[in-house]
Amino acid sequence: MVNVEENKVKVSVIIPVYNVEKYLRECLDSVVNQTLKDIEIICVDDGSTDGSGAI
């Protein structure tokens, strides 16, 4: 018997973040609105000095 959960497509989207407050919401909206829904989104902020971390 095949476990259906094991056959799901899983994708990790890694988004580097460094002082991109101006573009980050649009980027995240774009990823969230893709047709593939079984994803995880990982944002890696390397010490932004703008409001990127708050987003």
Protein backbone atom coordinates (compact mmCIF):
# COMPACT_ATOMS: atom_id res chain seq x y z
CA MET A 1 0.00 0.00 0.00
CA VAL A 2 1.37 3.43 -0.99
CA ASN A 3 1.12 6.29 1.48
CA VAL A 4 -0.37 9.27 -0.39
CA GLU A 5 1.34 11.76 1.94
CA GLU A 6 4.77 10.49 0.84
CA ASN A 7 4.02 11.24 -2.80
CA LYS A 8 3.12 14.92 -2.33
CA VAL A 9 5.32 17.42 -4.08
CA LYS A 10 7.16 19.58 -1.57
CA VAL A 11 9.07 22.67 -2.53
CA SER A 12 11.09 25.05 -0.39
CA VAL A 13 11.44 28.59 -1.70
CA ILE A 14 14.39 30.39 -0.14
CA ILE A 15 14.32 34.16 -0.45
CA PRO A 16 17.45 36.11 0.42
CA VAL A 17 16.54 39.39 2.11
CA TYR A 18 18.85 42.36 2.50
CA ASN A 19 17.40 45.87 2.40
CA VAL A 20 14.63 44.98 -0.05
CA GLU A 21 11.68 46.40 1.88
CA LYS A 22 10.49 48.15 -1.29
CA TYR A 23 10.15 44.83 -3.20
CA LEU A 24 9.63 42.17 -0.52
CA ARG A 25 5.82 42.25 -0.31
CA GLU A 26 5.48 41.88 -4.07
CA CYS A 27 7.98 39.02 -4.05
CA LEU A 28 6.19 37.18 -1.23
CA ASP A 29 2.77 37.74 -2.81
CA SER A 30 4.09 36.28 -6.05
CA VAL A 31 5.36 33.14 -4.33
CA VAL A 32 2.20 32.67 -2.24
CA ASN A 33 -0.04 33.04 -5.30
CA GLN A 34 1.61 30.29 -7.33
CA THR A 35 -0.53 27.31 -8.30
CA LEU A 36 1.63 24.93 -6.29
CA LYS A 37 0.33 25.20 -2.73
CA ASP A 38 2.39 22.59 -0.86
CA ILE A 39 5.39 24.88 -0.31
CA GLU A 40 7.38 26.39 2.48
CA ILE A 41 8.80 29.88 2.21
CA ILE A 42 12.05 30.63 4.00
CA CYS A 43 13.21 34.24 4.16
CA VAL A 44 16.83 34.71 5.18
CA ASP A 45 17.52 38.25 6.39
CA ASP A 46 21.20 39.04 6.70
CA GLY A 47 20.94 42.11 8.91
CA SER A 48 18.78 44.46 6.87
CA THR A 49 18.78 48.05 8.08
CA ASP A 50 15.43 48.92 6.48
CA GLY A 51 11.99 47.51 7.35
CA SER A 52 12.54 44.17 5.61
CA GLY A 53 12.73 42.27 8.90
CA ALA A 54 9.33 43.54 10.01
CA ILE A 55 7.69 42.27 6.82
